[in-house]
Amino acid sequence: MMNSKNTTYQSISCSYYDQLEAYATQKTRCSIVWKVNGIEQSVDGVIVDLFAHNGAEFLKLDSGTVIRLDHIVSVNGIVLNYAC
């Protein structure tokens, strides 16, 4: 299920996206923290896909969990930034 509540998507920084792609390519196990409706959640997994849907970008983990990229707080302790 995609946590894409009807809010405007805010693009993440290009370098952060590149880091997510590198984790996916290298099959790196990631510790991801994100917020949904103001509630912080966390999960560990391998990023198997990065994709766009309805004007927003998402990642999919090997567990099937799908996270909207602008909901991410941090991945492997690296805090999300939005400047490109």
PDB file of N, CA and C in Angstrom:
ATOM      1  N   MET A   1       0.838  -1.179   0.000  1.00  0.00           N
ATOM      2  CA  MET A   1       0.000   0.000   0.000  1.00  0.00           C
ATOM      3  C   MET A   1       0.882   1.241   0.000  1.00  0.00           C
ATOM      4  N   MET A   2       0.556   2.192  -0.830  1.00  0.00           N
ATOM      5  CA  MET A   2       1.349   3.411  -0.921  1.00  0.00           C
ATOM      6  C   MET A   2       0.800   4.461   0.025  1.00  0.00           C
ATOM      7  N   ASN A   3       1.692   5.005   0.866  1.00  0.00           N
ATOM      8  CA  ASN A   3       1.280   6.037   1.810  1.00  0.00           C
ATOM      9  C   ASN A   3       1.420   7.397   1.146  1.00  0.00           C
ATOM     10  N   SER A   4       0.498   7.687   0.231  1.00  0.00           N
ATOM     11  CA  SER A   4       0.615   8.886  -0.605  1.00  0.00           C
ATOM     12  C   SER A   4      -0.544   9.840  -0.386  1.00  0.00           C
ATOM     13  N   LYS A   5      -1.010   9.938   0.828  1.00  0.00           N
ATOM     14  CA  LYS A   5      -2.129  10.819   1.142  1.00  0.00           C
ATOM     15  C   LYS A   5      -2.113  12.041   0.239  1.00  0.00           C
ATOM     16  N   ASN A   6      -3.242  12.573  -0.091  1.00  0.00           N
ATOM     17  CA  ASN A   6      -3.378  13.658  -1.057  1.00  0.00           C
ATOM     18  C   ASN A   6      -2.662  14.937  -0.636  1.00  0.00           C
ATOM     19  N   THR A   7      -1.362  14.877  -0.530  1.00  0.00           N
ATOM     20  CA  THR A   7      -0.549  16.055  -0.249  1.00  0.00           C
ATOM     21  C   THR A   7       0.392  16.251  -1.421  1.00  0.00           C
ATOM     22  N   THR A   8       0.824  17.476  -1.615  1.00  0.00           N
ATOM     23  CA  THR A   8       1.737  17.777  -2.707  1.00  0.00           C
ATOM     24  C   THR A   8       3.096  17.142  -2.434  1.00  0.00           C
ATOM     25  N   TYR A   9       3.603  16.448  -3.436  1.00  0.00           N
ATOM     26  CA  TYR A   9       4.907  15.804  -3.306  1.00  0.00           C
ATOM     27  C   TYR A   9       6.011  16.855  -3.343  1.00  0.00           C
ATOM     28  N   GLN A  10       6.963  16.746  -2.421  1.00  0.00           N
ATOM     29  CA  GLN A  10       8.124  17.631  -2.387  1.00  0.00           C
ATOM     30  C   GLN A  10       9.338  16.819  -2.805  1.00  0.00           C
ATOM     31  N   SER A  11       9.951  17.184  -3.933  1.00  0.00           N
ATOM     32  CA  SER A  11      11.106  16.445  -4.441  1.00  0.00           C
ATOM     33  C   SER A  11      12.238  16.426  -3.425  1.00  0.00           C
ATOM     34  N   ILE A  12      12.907  15.279  -3.357  1.00  0.00           N
ATOM     35  CA  ILE A  12      14.069  15.168  -2.482  1.00  0.00           C
ATOM     36  C   ILE A  12      15.314  15.566  -3.267  1.00  0.00           C
ATOM     37  N   SER A  13      16.429  15.756  -2.571  1.00  0.00           N
ATOM     38  CA  SER A  13      17.651  16.178  -3.250  1.00  0.00           C
ATOM     39  C   SER A  13      18.145  15.083  -4.193  1.00  0.00           C
ATOM     40  N   CYS A  14      18.776  15.511  -5.263  1.00  0.00           N
ATOM     41  CA  CYS A  14      19.323  14.581  -6.260  1.00  0.00           C
ATOM     42  C   CYS A  14      20.363  13.661  -5.626  1.00  0.00           C
ATOM     43  N   SER A  15      21.200  14.200  -4.757  1.00  0.00           N
ATOM     44  CA  SER A  15      22.245  13.388  -4.135  1.00  0.00           C
ATOM     45  C   SER A  15      21.645  12.337  -3.191  1.00  0.00           C
ATOM     46  N   TYR A  16      20.552  12.680  -2.518  1.00  0.00           N
ATOM     47  CA  TYR A  16      19.896  11.712  -1.639  1.00  0.00           C
ATOM     48  C   TYR A  16      19.276  10.593  -2.482  1.00  0.00           C
ATOM     49  N   TYR A  17      18.637  10.961  -3.585  1.00  0.00           N
ATOM     50  CA  TYR A  17      18.065   9.978  -4.491  1.00  0.00           C
ATOM     51  C   TYR A  17      19.170   9.059  -5.021  1.00  0.00           C
ATOM     52  N   ASP A  18      20.305   9.648  -5.392  1.00  0.00           N
ATOM     53  CA  ASP A  18      21.439   8.856  -5.872  1.00  0.00           C
ATOM     54  C   ASP A  18      21.898   7.857  -4.819  1.00  0.00           C
ATOM     55  N   GLN A  19      21.886   8.267  -3.552  1.00  0.00           N
ATOM     56  CA  GLN A  19      22.288   7.372  -2.459  1.00  0.00           C
ATOM     57  C   GLN A  19      21.296   6.218  -2.340  1.00  0.00           C
ATOM     58  N   LEU A  20      20.007   6.518  -2.461  1.00  0.00           N
ATOM     59  CA  LEU A  20      19.002   5.451  -2.423  1.00  0.00           C
ATOM     60  C   LEU A  20      19.207   4.469  -3.573  1.00  0.00           C
ATOM     61  N   GLU A  21      19.515   4.983  -4.762  1.00  0.00           N
ATOM     62  CA  GLU A  21      19.802   4.112  -5.910  1.00  0.00           C
ATOM     63  C   GLU A  21      21.021   3.233  -5.645  1.00  0.00           C
ATOM     64  N   ALA A  22      22.043   3.808  -5.029  1.00  0.00           N
ATOM     65  CA  ALA A  22      23.249   3.032  -4.714  1.00  0.00           C
ATOM     66  C   ALA A  22      22.914   1.911  -3.725  1.00  0.00           C
ATOM     67  N   TYR A  23      22.124   2.209  -2.696  1.00  0.00           N
ATOM     68  CA  TYR A  23      21.705   1.168  -1.746  1.00  0.00           C
ATOM     69  C   TYR A  23      20.960   0.052  -2.479  1.00  0.00           C
ATOM     70  N   ALA A  24      20.078   0.430  -3.412  1.00  0.00           N
ATOM     71  CA  ALA A  24      19.306  -0.566  -4.158  1.00  0.00           C
ATOM     72  C   ALA A  24      20.225  -1.424  -5.031  1.00  0.00           C
ATOM     73  N   THR A  25      21.130  -0.784  -5.747  1.00  0.00           N
ATOM     74  CA  THR A  25      22.046  -1.489  -6.640  1.00  0.00           C
ATOM     75  C   THR A  25      22.938  -2.459  -5.870  1.00  0.00           C
ATOM     76  N   GLN A  26      23.410  -2.015  -4.698  1.00  0.00           N
ATOM     77  CA  GLN A  26      24.324  -2.825  -3.892  1.00  0.00           C
ATOM     78  C   GLN A  26      23.589  -3.799  -2.975  1.00  0.00           C
ATOM     79  N   LYS A  27      22.240  -3.749  -3.018  1.00  0.00           N
ATOM     80  CA  LYS A  27      21.408  -4.602  -2.160  1.00  0.00           C
ATOM     81  C   LYS A  27      21.767  -4.425  -0.681  1.00  0.00           C
ATOM     82  N   THR A  28      22.010  -3.176  -0.303  1.00  0.00           N
ATOM     83  CA  THR A  28      22.370  -2.835   1.072  1.00  0.00           C
ATOM     84  C   THR A  28      21.138  -2.899   1.971  1.00  0.00           C
ATOM     85  N   ARG A  29      21.263  -3.567   3.092  1.00  0.00           N
ATOM     86  CA  ARG A  29      20.170  -3.585   4.069  1.00  0.00           C
ATOM     87  C   ARG A  29      20.102  -2.199   4.697  1.00  0.00           C
ATOM     88  N   CYS A  30      18.921  -1.610   4.696  1.00  0.00           N
ATOM     89  CA  CYS A  30      18.738  -0.234   5.153  1.00  0.00           C
ATOM     90  C   CYS A  30      17.795  -0.167   6.344  1.00  0.00           C
ATOM     91  N   SER A  31      18.109   0.741   7.236  1.00  0.00           N
ATOM     92  CA  SER A  31      17.228   1.080   8.346  1.00  0.00           C
ATOM     93  C   SER A  31      16.556   2.397   7.962  1.00  0.00           C
ATOM     94  N   ILE A  32      15.236   2.358   7.738  1.00  0.00           N
ATOM     95  CA  ILE A  32      14.508   3.515   7.234  1.00  0.00           C
ATOM     96  C   ILE A  32      13.524   4.011   8.278  1.00  0.00           C
ATOM     97  N   VAL A  33      13.545   5.321   8.513  1.00  0.00           N
ATOM     98  CA  VAL A  33      12.582   5.973   9.397  1.00  0.00           C
ATOM     99  C   VAL A  33      11.780   6.929   8.530  1.00  0.00           C
ATOM    100  N   TRP A  34      10.450   6.892   8.658  1.00  0.00           N
ATOM    101  CA  TRP A  34       9.584   7.792   7.893  1.00  0.00           C
ATOM    102  C   TRP A  34       8.381   8.159   8.740  1.00  0.00           C
ATOM    103  N   LYS A  35       7.661   9.174   8.293  1.00  0.00           N
ATOM    104  CA  LYS A  35       6.472   9.619   9.014  1.00  0.00           C
ATOM    105  C   LYS A  35       5.241   9.466   8.135  1.00  0.00           C
ATOM    106  N   VAL A  36       4.181   8.966   8.737  1.00  0.00           N
ATOM    107  CA  VAL A  36       2.872   8.876   8.103  1.00  0.00           C
ATOM    108  C   VAL A  36       1.879   9.523   9.058  1.00  0.00           C
ATOM    109  N   ASN A  37       1.196  10.560   8.577  1.00  0.00           N
ATOM    110  CA  ASN A  37       0.236  11.285   9.409  1.00  0.00           C
ATOM    111  C   ASN A  37       0.869  11.740  10.726  1.00  0.00           C
ATOM    112  N   GLY A  38       2.142  12.164  10.659  1.00  0.00           N
ATOM    113  CA  GLY A  38       2.841  12.675  11.827  1.00  0.00           C
ATOM    114  C   GLY A  38       3.383  11.614  12.768  1.00  0.00           C
ATOM    115  N   ILE A  39       3.140  10.349  12.460  1.00  0.00           N
ATOM    116  CA  ILE A  39       3.604   9.253  13.314  1.00  0.00           C
ATOM    117  C   ILE A  39       4.849   8.636  12.697  1.00  0.00           C
ATOM    118  N   GLU A  40       5.922   8.607  13.484  1.00  0.00           N
ATOM    119  CA  GLU A  40       7.188   8.058  12.996  1.00  0.00           C
ATOM    120  C   GLU A  40       7.143   6.535  13.016  1.00  0.00           C
ATOM    121  N   GLN A  41       7.613   5.944  11.921  1.00  0.00           N
ATOM    122  CA  GLN A  41       7.682   4.501  11.796  1.00  0.00           C
ATOM    123  C   GLN A  41       9.086   4.117  11.345  1.00  0.00           C
ATOM    124  N   SER A  42       9.457   2.871  11.560  1.00  0.00           N
ATOM    125  CA  SER A  42      10.774   2.420  11.099  1.00  0.00           C
ATOM    126  C   SER A  42      10.680   0.990  10.601  1.00  0.00           C
ATOM    127  N   VAL A  43      11.599   0.672   9.703  1.00  0.00           N
ATOM    128  CA  VAL A  43      11.650  -0.664   9.118  1.00  0.00           C
ATOM    129  C   VAL A  43      13.076  -0.906   8.630  1.00  0.00           C
ATOM    130  N   ASP A  44      13.478  -2.155   8.614  1.00  0.00           N
ATOM    131  CA  ASP A  44      14.747  -2.566   8.016  1.00  0.00           C
ATOM    132  C   ASP A  44      14.424  -3.391   6.788  1.00  0.00           C
ATOM    133  N   GLY A  45      15.175  -3.161   5.705  1.00  0.00           N
ATOM    134  CA  GLY A  45      14.952  -3.939   4.502  1.00  0.00           C
ATOM    135  C   GLY A  45      15.884  -3.524   3.390  1.00  0.00           C
ATOM    136  N   VAL A  46      15.771  -4.225   2.278  1.00  0.00           N
ATOM    137  CA  VAL A  46      16.563  -3.945   1.080  1.00  0.00           C
ATOM    138  C   VAL A  46      15.661  -3.245   0.069  1.00  0.00           C
ATOM    139  N   ILE A  47      16.130  -2.130  -0.470  1.00  0.00           N
ATOM    140  CA  ILE A  47      15.370  -1.399  -1.489  1.00  0.00           C
ATOM    141  C   ILE A  47      15.444  -2.194  -2.785  1.00  0.00           C
ATOM    142  N   VAL A  48      14.276  -2.590  -3.296  1.00  0.00           N
ATOM    143  CA  VAL A  48      14.242  -3.370  -4.533  1.00  0.00           C
ATOM    144  C   VAL A  48      13.772  -2.544  -5.725  1.00  0.00           C
ATOM    145  N   ASP A  49      13.173  -1.371  -5.465  1.00  0.00           N
ATOM    146  CA  ASP A  49      12.699  -0.548  -6.571  1.00  0.00           C
ATOM    147  C   ASP A  49      12.523   0.898  -6.123  1.00  0.00           C
ATOM    148  N   LEU A  50      12.799   1.811  -7.032  1.00  0.00           N
ATOM    149  CA  LEU A  50      12.491   3.233  -6.893  1.00  0.00           C
ATOM    150  C   LEU A  50      11.631   3.571  -8.096  1.00  0.00           C
ATOM    151  N   PHE A  51      10.470   4.195  -7.856  1.00  0.00           N
ATOM    152  CA  PHE A  51       9.560   4.451  -8.968  1.00  0.00           C
ATOM    153  C   PHE A  51       8.694   5.677  -8.715  1.00  0.00           C
ATOM    154  N   ALA A  52       8.099   6.171  -9.793  1.00  0.00           N
ATOM    155  CA  ALA A  52       7.185   7.313  -9.710  1.00  0.00           C
ATOM    156  C   ALA A  52       5.759   6.816  -9.954  1.00  0.00           C
ATOM    157  N   HIS A  53       4.808   7.447  -9.249  1.00  0.00           N
ATOM    158  CA  HIS A  53       3.400   7.107  -9.407  1.00  0.00           C
ATOM    159  C   HIS A  53       2.557   8.319  -9.031  1.00  0.00           C
ATOM    160  N   ASN A  54       1.685   8.749  -9.926  1.00  0.00           N
ATOM    161  CA  ASN A  54       0.795   9.893  -9.669  1.00  0.00           C
ATOM    162  C   ASN A  54       1.541  11.141  -9.203  1.00  0.00           C
ATOM    163  N   GLY A  55       2.690  11.421  -9.799  1.00  0.00           N
ATOM    164  CA  GLY A  55       3.427  12.640  -9.499  1.00  0.00           C
ATOM    165  C   GLY A  55       4.275  12.610  -8.250  1.00  0.00           C
ATOM    166  N   ALA A  56       4.421  11.444  -7.642  1.00  0.00           N
ATOM    167  CA  ALA A  56       5.265  11.303  -6.452  1.00  0.00           C
ATOM    168  C   ALA A  56       6.253  10.169  -6.691  1.00  0.00           C
ATOM    169  N   GLU A  57       7.343  10.162  -5.908  1.00  0.00           N
ATOM    170  CA  GLU A  57       8.351   9.107  -6.016  1.00  0.00           C
ATOM    171  C   GLU A  57       8.296   8.224  -4.779  1.00  0.00           C
ATOM    172  N   PHE A  58       8.542   6.936  -4.990  1.00  0.00           N
ATOM    173  CA  PHE A  58       8.429   5.937  -3.937  1.00  0.00           C
ATOM    174  C   PHE A  58       9.616   4.988  -3.973  1.00  0.00           C
ATOM    175  N   LEU A  59       9.821   4.295  -2.854  1.00  0.00           N
ATOM    176  CA  LEU A  59      10.729   3.154  -2.853  1.00  0.00           C
ATOM    177  C   LEU A  59       9.943   1.956  -2.375  1.00  0.00           C
ATOM    178  N   LYS A  60      10.367   0.787  -2.843  1.00  0.00           N
ATOM    179  CA  LYS A  60       9.751  -0.465  -2.421  1.00  0.00           C
ATOM    180  C   LYS A  60      10.827  -1.334  -1.811  1.00  0.00           C
ATOM    181  N   LEU A  61      10.512  -1.930  -0.661  1.00  0.00           N
ATOM    182  CA  LEU A  61      11.447  -2.812   0.027  1.00  0.00           C
ATOM    183  C   LEU A  61      11.158  -4.271  -0.308  1.00  0.00           C
ATOM    184  N   ASP A  62      12.118  -5.131  -0.004  1.00  0.00           N
ATOM    185  CA  ASP A  62      11.971  -6.553  -0.262  1.00  0.00           C
ATOM    186  C   ASP A  62      10.792  -7.157   0.504  1.00  0.00           C
ATOM    187  N   SER A  63      10.331  -6.498   1.545  1.00  0.00           N
ATOM    188  CA  SER A  63       9.178  -6.967   2.320  1.00  0.00           C
ATOM    189  C   SER A  63       7.852  -6.601   1.657  1.00  0.00           C
ATOM    190  N   GLY A  64       7.914  -5.740   0.620  1.00  0.00           N
ATOM    191  CA  GLY A  64       6.708  -5.252  -0.030  1.00  0.00           C
ATOM    192  C   GLY A  64       6.281  -3.876   0.463  1.00  0.00           C
ATOM    193  N   THR A  65       6.909  -3.394   1.533  1.00  0.00           N
ATOM    194  CA  THR A  65       6.601  -2.065   2.060  1.00  0.00           C
ATOM    195  C   THR A  65       6.949  -1.002   1.025  1.00  0.00           C
ATOM    196  N   VAL A  66       6.021  -0.051   0.802  1.00  0.00           N
ATOM    197  CA  VAL A  66       6.231   1.049  -0.133  1.00  0.00           C
ATOM    198  C   VAL A  66       6.192   2.349   0.656  1.00  0.00           C
ATOM    199  N   ILE A  67       7.201   3.202   0.453  1.00  0.00           N
ATOM    200  CA  ILE A  67       7.324   4.457   1.189  1.00  0.00           C
ATOM    201  C   ILE A  67       7.489   5.607   0.215  1.00  0.00           C
ATOM    202  N   ARG A  68       6.693   6.646   0.385  1.00  0.00           N
ATOM    203  CA  ARG A  68       6.839   7.850  -0.434  1.00  0.00           C
ATOM    204  C   ARG A  68       8.113   8.565   0.012  1.00  0.00           C
ATOM    205  N   LEU A  69       8.957   8.924  -0.953  1.00  0.00           N
ATOM    206  CA  LEU A  69      10.284   9.439  -0.628  1.00  0.00           C
ATOM    207  C   LEU A  69      10.262  10.696   0.226  1.00  0.00           C
ATOM    208  N   ASP A  70       9.298  11.597   0.024  1.00  0.00           N
ATOM    209  CA  ASP A  70       9.292  12.818   0.829  1.00  0.00           C
ATOM    210  C   ASP A  70       8.730  12.603   2.232  1.00  0.00           C
ATOM    211  N   HIS A  71       8.368  11.356   2.579  1.00  0.00           N
ATOM    212  CA  HIS A  71       7.952  11.026   3.936  1.00  0.00           C
ATOM    213  C   HIS A  71       9.123  10.475   4.750  1.00  0.00           C
ATOM    214  N   ILE A  72      10.252  10.233   4.085  1.00  0.00           N
ATOM    215  CA  ILE A  72      11.423   9.684   4.755  1.00  0.00           C
ATOM    216  C   ILE A  72      12.008  10.718   5.725  1.00  0.00           C
ATOM    217  N   VAL A  73      12.374  10.233   6.900  1.00  0.00           N
ATOM    218  CA  VAL A  73      13.102  11.046   7.879  1.00  0.00           C
ATOM    219  C   VAL A  73      14.592  10.765   7.714  1.00  0.00           C
ATOM    220  N   SER A  74      14.955   9.465   7.654  1.00  0.00           N
ATOM    221  CA  SER A  74      16.362   9.100   7.471  1.00  0.00           C
ATOM    222  C   SER A  74      16.471   7.676   6.942  1.00  0.00           C
ATOM    223  N   VAL A  75      17.601   7.420   6.291  1.00  0.00           N
ATOM    224  CA  VAL A  75      17.951   6.091   5.828  1.00  0.00           C
ATOM    225  C   VAL A  75      19.376   5.829   6.299  1.00  0.00           C
ATOM    226  N   ASN A  76      19.562   4.745   7.046  1.00  0.00           N
ATOM    227  CA  ASN A  76      20.863   4.404   7.626  1.00  0.00           C
ATOM    228  C   ASN A  76      21.487   5.592   8.378  1.00  0.00           C
ATOM    229  N   GLY A  77      20.637   6.325   9.068  1.00  0.00           N
ATOM    230  CA  GLY A  77      21.098   7.450   9.882  1.00  0.00           C
ATOM    231  C   GLY A  77      21.339   8.737   9.113  1.00  0.00           C
ATOM    232  N   ILE A  78      21.199   8.710   7.794  1.00  0.00           N
ATOM    233  CA  ILE A  78      21.402   9.918   6.978  1.00  0.00           C
ATOM    234  C   ILE A  78      20.051  10.607   6.820  1.00  0.00           C
ATOM    235  N   VAL A  79      19.957  11.824   7.349  1.00  0.00           N
ATOM    236  CA  VAL A  79      18.706  12.583   7.341  1.00  0.00           C
ATOM    237  C   VAL A  79      18.401  13.084   5.943  1.00  0.00           C
ATOM    238  N   LEU A  80      17.124  12.960   5.540  1.00  0.00           N
ATOM    239  CA  LEU A  80      16.673  13.418   4.236  1.00  0.00           C
ATOM    240  C   LEU A  80      16.846  14.928   4.108  1.00  0.00           C
ATOM    241  N   ASN A  81      17.286  15.375   2.933  1.00  0.00           N
ATOM    242  CA  ASN A  81      17.282  16.806   2.633  1.00  0.00           C
ATOM    243  C   ASN A  81      16.585  17.003   1.295  1.00  0.00           C
ATOM    244  N   TYR A  82      16.109  18.225   1.088  1.00  0.00           N
ATOM    245  CA  TYR A  82      15.294  18.489  -0.097  1.00  0.00           C
ATOM    246  C   TYR A  82      16.008  19.332  -1.154  1.00  0.00           C
ATOM    247  N   ALA A  83      17.084  20.014  -0.807  1.00  0.00           N
ATOM    248  CA  ALA A  83      17.786  20.876  -1.779  1.00  0.00           C
ATOM    249  C   ALA A  83      18.481  20.011  -2.821  1.00  0.00           C
ATOM    250  N   CYS A  84      18.345  20.404  -4.093  1.00  0.00           N
ATOM    251  CA  CYS A  84      18.965  19.627  -5.169  1.00  0.00           C
ATOM    252  C   CYS A  84      20.203  20.321  -5.690  1.00  0.00           C
TER     253      CYS A  84
END
